[in-house]
């Protein structure tokens, strides 16, 4: 097995863990809405999740750990996608925010700043900020 094979399988494990995190947020209220389903379908394609993996993850997302990327920008992008999932059904449940904070911790955001970072993430998505603006704002909040 070459180094590139190891890297790609490690990268795919991160993508599976990330997709499972998105599914956890979608399933928190027991129902996957049409908007959530659309976001799950788009995310699965972007993350190269096979149909078999999709089915397994949808059935038991808790079986797949969060594998945080090393890159700070990639971690912020994951937070962005997770926060978008919270708003996919146009409702924000307290449980979804709790899961978002736990996943943010797993993405290596500081426990000291995780509440502030997640609150800002929610505010940014609520105001339709794109990924670039989201990244800048999260970096600013996470510094303080």
C-alpha atoms as a PDB file:
ATOM      1  CA  UNK A   1       0.000   0.000   0.000  1.00  0.00           C
ATOM      2  CA  UNK A   2       1.406   3.376  -0.992  1.00  0.00           C
ATOM      3  CA  UNK A   3       1.435   6.565   1.058  1.00  0.00           C
ATOM      4  CA  UNK A   4      -1.187   8.050  -1.261  1.00  0.00           C
ATOM      5  CA  UNK A   5      -3.498   5.074  -0.567  1.00  0.00           C
ATOM      6  CA  UNK A   6      -3.120   5.630   3.162  1.00  0.00           C
ATOM      7  CA  UNK A   7      -3.803   9.342   2.776  1.00  0.00           C
ATOM      8  CA  UNK A   8      -6.899   8.868   0.659  1.00  0.00           C
ATOM      9  CA  UNK A   9      -8.359   6.250   3.001  1.00  0.00           C
ATOM     10  CA  UNK A  10      -7.635   8.519   5.977  1.00  0.00           C
ATOM     11  CA  UNK A  11      -9.231  11.406   4.128  1.00  0.00           C
ATOM     12  CA  UNK A  12     -12.262   9.257   3.335  1.00  0.00           C
ATOM     13  CA  UNK A  13     -12.587   8.291   7.010  1.00  0.00           C
ATOM     14  CA  UNK A  14     -12.705  12.007   7.821  1.00  0.00           C
ATOM     15  CA  UNK A  15     -15.397  12.490   5.187  1.00  0.00           C
ATOM     16  CA  UNK A  16     -17.429   9.588   6.602  1.00  0.00           C
ATOM     17  CA  UNK A  17     -17.113  11.003  10.125  1.00  0.00           C
ATOM     18  CA  UNK A  18     -18.159  14.424   8.898  1.00  0.00           C
ATOM     19  CA  UNK A  19     -21.154  13.032   7.037  1.00  0.00           C
ATOM     20  CA  UNK A  20     -22.168  11.091  10.149  1.00  0.00           C
ATOM     21  CA  UNK A  21     -22.049  14.354  12.125  1.00  0.00           C
ATOM     22  CA  UNK A  22     -24.347  15.991   9.591  1.00  0.00           C
ATOM     23  CA  UNK A  23     -26.739  13.025   9.848  1.00  0.00           C
ATOM     24  CA  UNK A  24     -26.726  13.251  13.677  1.00  0.00           C
ATOM     25  CA  UNK A  25     -27.917  16.839  13.486  1.00  0.00           C
ATOM     26  CA  UNK A  26     -30.539  16.002  10.835  1.00  0.00           C
ATOM     27  CA  UNK A  27     -31.936  13.136  12.916  1.00  0.00           C
ATOM     28  CA  UNK A  28     -32.014  14.904  16.300  1.00  0.00           C
ATOM     29  CA  UNK A  29     -35.767  15.545  16.093  1.00  0.00           C
ATOM     30  CA  UNK A  30     -36.483  12.056  14.721  1.00  0.00           C
ATOM     31  CA  UNK A  31     -37.546  13.363  11.302  1.00  0.00           C
ATOM     32  CA  UNK A  32     -35.444  14.197   8.275  1.00  0.00           C
ATOM     33  CA  UNK A  33     -37.195  17.071   6.520  1.00  0.00           C
ATOM     34  CA  UNK A  34     -37.121  17.657   2.765  1.00  0.00           C
ATOM     35  CA  UNK A  35     -34.550  20.439   3.205  1.00  0.00           C
ATOM     36  CA  UNK A  36     -32.382  18.220   5.392  1.00  0.00           C
ATOM     37  CA  UNK A  37     -32.651  15.381   2.866  1.00  0.00           C
ATOM     38  CA  UNK A  38     -31.514  17.700   0.066  1.00  0.00           C
ATOM     39  CA  UNK A  39     -28.539  18.850   2.130  1.00  0.00           C
ATOM     40  CA  UNK A  40     -27.659  15.243   3.022  1.00  0.00           C
ATOM     41  CA  UNK A  41     -27.772  14.248  -0.640  1.00  0.00           C
ATOM     42  CA  UNK A  42     -25.544  17.168  -1.672  1.00  0.00           C
ATOM     43  CA  UNK A  43     -23.127  16.534   1.185  1.00  0.00           C
ATOM     44  CA  UNK A  44     -22.859  12.827   0.405  1.00  0.00           C
ATOM     45  CA  UNK A  45     -21.887  13.605  -3.185  1.00  0.00           C
ATOM     46  CA  UNK A  46     -19.393  16.269  -2.165  1.00  0.00           C
ATOM     47  CA  UNK A  47     -17.847  13.927   0.427  1.00  0.00           C
ATOM     48  CA  UNK A  48     -17.750  10.924  -1.942  1.00  0.00           C
ATOM     49  CA  UNK A  49     -20.028   8.808   0.241  1.00  0.00           C
ATOM     50  CA  UNK A  50     -21.153   5.650  -1.558  1.00  0.00           C
ATOM     51  CA  UNK A  51     -24.790   4.517  -1.495  1.00  0.00           C
ATOM     52  CA  UNK A  52     -23.845   1.642   0.827  1.00  0.00           C
ATOM     53  CA  UNK A  53     -22.010   3.993   3.214  1.00  0.00           C
ATOM     54  CA  UNK A  54     -24.921   6.455   3.017  1.00  0.00           C
ATOM     55  CA  UNK A  55     -27.383   3.770   4.101  1.00  0.00           C
ATOM     56  CA  UNK A  56     -25.157   2.547   6.964  1.00  0.00           C
ATOM     57  CA  UNK A  57     -24.479   6.058   8.236  1.00  0.00           C
ATOM     58  CA  UNK A  58     -28.133   7.080   7.997  1.00  0.00           C
ATOM     59  CA  UNK A  59     -29.116   4.022  10.026  1.00  0.00           C
ATOM     60  CA  UNK A  60     -26.509   4.468  12.806  1.00  0.00           C
ATOM     61  CA  UNK A  61     -24.550   7.732  12.603  1.00  0.00           C
ATOM     62  CA  UNK A  62     -23.320   7.350  16.193  1.00  0.00           C
ATOM     63  CA  UNK A  63     -21.133   4.421  15.097  1.00  0.00           C
ATOM     64  CA  UNK A  64     -18.884   6.744  13.089  1.00  0.00           C
ATOM     65  CA  UNK A  65     -16.439   8.962  14.987  1.00  0.00           C
ATOM     66  CA  UNK A  66     -15.644  12.553  14.103  1.00  0.00           C
ATOM     67  CA  UNK A  67     -12.208  12.555  12.484  1.00  0.00           C
ATOM     68  CA  UNK A  68     -11.112  16.154  12.614  1.00  0.00           C
ATOM     69  CA  UNK A  69      -9.064  17.482   9.692  1.00  0.00           C
ATOM     70  CA  UNK A  70      -5.700  18.977  10.524  1.00  0.00           C
ATOM     71  CA  UNK A  71      -6.361  22.126   8.495  1.00  0.00           C
ATOM     72  CA  UNK A  72      -8.011  24.932  10.468  1.00  0.00           C
ATOM     73  CA  UNK A  73      -9.849  26.128   7.347  1.00  0.00           C
ATOM     74  CA  UNK A  74     -11.218  22.623   6.718  1.00  0.00           C
ATOM     75  CA  UNK A  75     -12.450  22.456  10.321  1.00  0.00           C
ATOM     76  CA  UNK A  76     -14.207  25.795   9.859  1.00  0.00           C
ATOM     77  CA  UNK A  77     -15.752  24.538   6.617  1.00  0.00           C
ATOM     78  CA  UNK A  78     -17.069  21.490   8.486  1.00  0.00           C
ATOM     79  CA  UNK A  79     -18.568  23.774  11.129  1.00  0.00           C
ATOM     80  CA  UNK A  80     -20.154  25.791   8.307  1.00  0.00           C
ATOM     81  CA  UNK A  81     -21.817  22.707   6.786  1.00  0.00           C
ATOM     82  CA  UNK A  82     -22.967  21.430  10.166  1.00  0.00           C
ATOM     83  CA  UNK A  83     -24.486  24.794  11.026  1.00  0.00           C
ATOM     84  CA  UNK A  84     -26.263  24.910   7.655  1.00  0.00           C
ATOM     85  CA  UNK A  85     -27.826  21.541   8.503  1.00  0.00           C
ATOM     86  CA  UNK A  86     -29.320  23.035  11.650  1.00  0.00           C
ATOM     87  CA  UNK A  87     -31.247  25.493   9.484  1.00  0.00           C
ATOM     88  CA  UNK A  88     -32.150  23.035   6.690  1.00  0.00           C
ATOM     89  CA  UNK A  89     -35.584  22.378   8.185  1.00  0.00           C
ATOM     90  CA  UNK A  90     -36.037  26.083   9.012  1.00  0.00           C
ATOM     91  CA  UNK A  91     -36.182  25.344  12.741  1.00  0.00           C
ATOM     92  CA  UNK A  92     -33.432  25.328  15.339  1.00  0.00           C
ATOM     93  CA  UNK A  93     -33.826  22.796  18.122  1.00  0.00           C
ATOM     94  CA  UNK A  94     -31.951  23.136  21.386  1.00  0.00           C
ATOM     95  CA  UNK A  95     -30.702  19.566  20.923  1.00  0.00           C
ATOM     96  CA  UNK A  96     -29.203  20.472  17.536  1.00  0.00           C
ATOM     97  CA  UNK A  97     -27.223  23.302  19.104  1.00  0.00           C
ATOM     98  CA  UNK A  98     -25.995  20.919  21.804  1.00  0.00           C
ATOM     99  CA  UNK A  99     -24.819  18.412  19.214  1.00  0.00           C
ATOM    100  CA  UNK A 100     -23.192  21.210  17.205  1.00  0.00           C
ATOM    101  CA  UNK A 101     -21.174  22.222  20.282  1.00  0.00           C
ATOM    102  CA  UNK A 102     -20.079  18.633  20.922  1.00  0.00           C
ATOM    103  CA  UNK A 103     -19.020  18.205  17.313  1.00  0.00           C
ATOM    104  CA  UNK A 104     -17.208  21.562  17.390  1.00  0.00           C
ATOM    105  CA  UNK A 105     -15.225  20.262  20.354  1.00  0.00           C
ATOM    106  CA  UNK A 106     -14.438  17.099  18.379  1.00  0.00           C
ATOM    107  CA  UNK A 107     -13.276  19.376  15.549  1.00  0.00           C
ATOM    108  CA  UNK A 108     -10.730  20.771  18.014  1.00  0.00           C
ATOM    109  CA  UNK A 109     -12.321  24.113  18.716  1.00  0.00           C
ATOM    110  CA  UNK A 110     -11.295  25.160  22.207  1.00  0.00           C
ATOM    111  CA  UNK A 111     -13.688  24.265  25.015  1.00  0.00           C
ATOM    112  CA  UNK A 112     -13.101  27.813  26.239  1.00  0.00           C
ATOM    113  CA  UNK A 113     -14.443  29.268  22.958  1.00  0.00           C
ATOM    114  CA  UNK A 114     -16.791  26.595  21.639  1.00  0.00           C
ATOM    115  CA  UNK A 115     -19.989  28.249  22.850  1.00  0.00           C
ATOM    116  CA  UNK A 116     -18.952  31.608  21.406  1.00  0.00           C
ATOM    117  CA  UNK A 117     -17.850  30.004  18.119  1.00  0.00           C
ATOM    118  CA  UNK A 118     -21.106  28.047  17.739  1.00  0.00           C
ATOM    119  CA  UNK A 119     -23.267  31.045  18.614  1.00  0.00           C
ATOM    120  CA  UNK A 120     -21.426  33.089  15.982  1.00  0.00           C
ATOM    121  CA  UNK A 121     -21.745  30.248  13.452  1.00  0.00           C
ATOM    122  CA  UNK A 122     -25.506  30.151  13.968  1.00  0.00           C
ATOM    123  CA  UNK A 123     -25.741  33.936  13.661  1.00  0.00           C
ATOM    124  CA  UNK A 124     -23.701  33.892  10.435  1.00  0.00           C
ATOM    125  CA  UNK A 125     -25.786  31.167   8.785  1.00  0.00           C
ATOM    126  CA  UNK A 126     -29.001  32.837   9.928  1.00  0.00           C
ATOM    127  CA  UNK A 127     -27.817  35.946   8.055  1.00  0.00           C
ATOM    128  CA  UNK A 128     -26.895  33.984   4.885  1.00  0.00           C
ATOM    129  CA  UNK A 129     -23.138  34.530   5.065  1.00  0.00           C
ATOM    130  CA  UNK A 130     -21.110  32.556   2.543  1.00  0.00           C
ATOM    131  CA  UNK A 131     -18.188  30.301   3.471  1.00  0.00           C
ATOM    132  CA  UNK A 132     -15.583  33.042   2.974  1.00  0.00           C
ATOM    133  CA  UNK A 133     -17.312  35.513   5.296  1.00  0.00           C
ATOM    134  CA  UNK A 134     -18.092  32.690   7.724  1.00  0.00           C
ATOM    135  CA  UNK A 135     -14.405  31.668   7.843  1.00  0.00           C
ATOM    136  CA  UNK A 136     -13.204  35.219   8.521  1.00  0.00           C
ATOM    137  CA  UNK A 137     -15.780  35.776  11.263  1.00  0.00           C
ATOM    138  CA  UNK A 138     -15.137  32.443  12.997  1.00  0.00           C
ATOM    139  CA  UNK A 139     -11.385  33.087  12.978  1.00  0.00           C
ATOM    140  CA  UNK A 140     -12.005  36.475  14.607  1.00  0.00           C
ATOM    141  CA  UNK A 141     -14.307  35.041  17.271  1.00  0.00           C
ATOM    142  CA  UNK A 142     -11.994  32.112  17.980  1.00  0.00           C
ATOM    143  CA  UNK A 143      -9.050  34.462  18.622  1.00  0.00           C
ATOM    144  CA  UNK A 144     -10.790  36.220  21.480  1.00  0.00           C
END
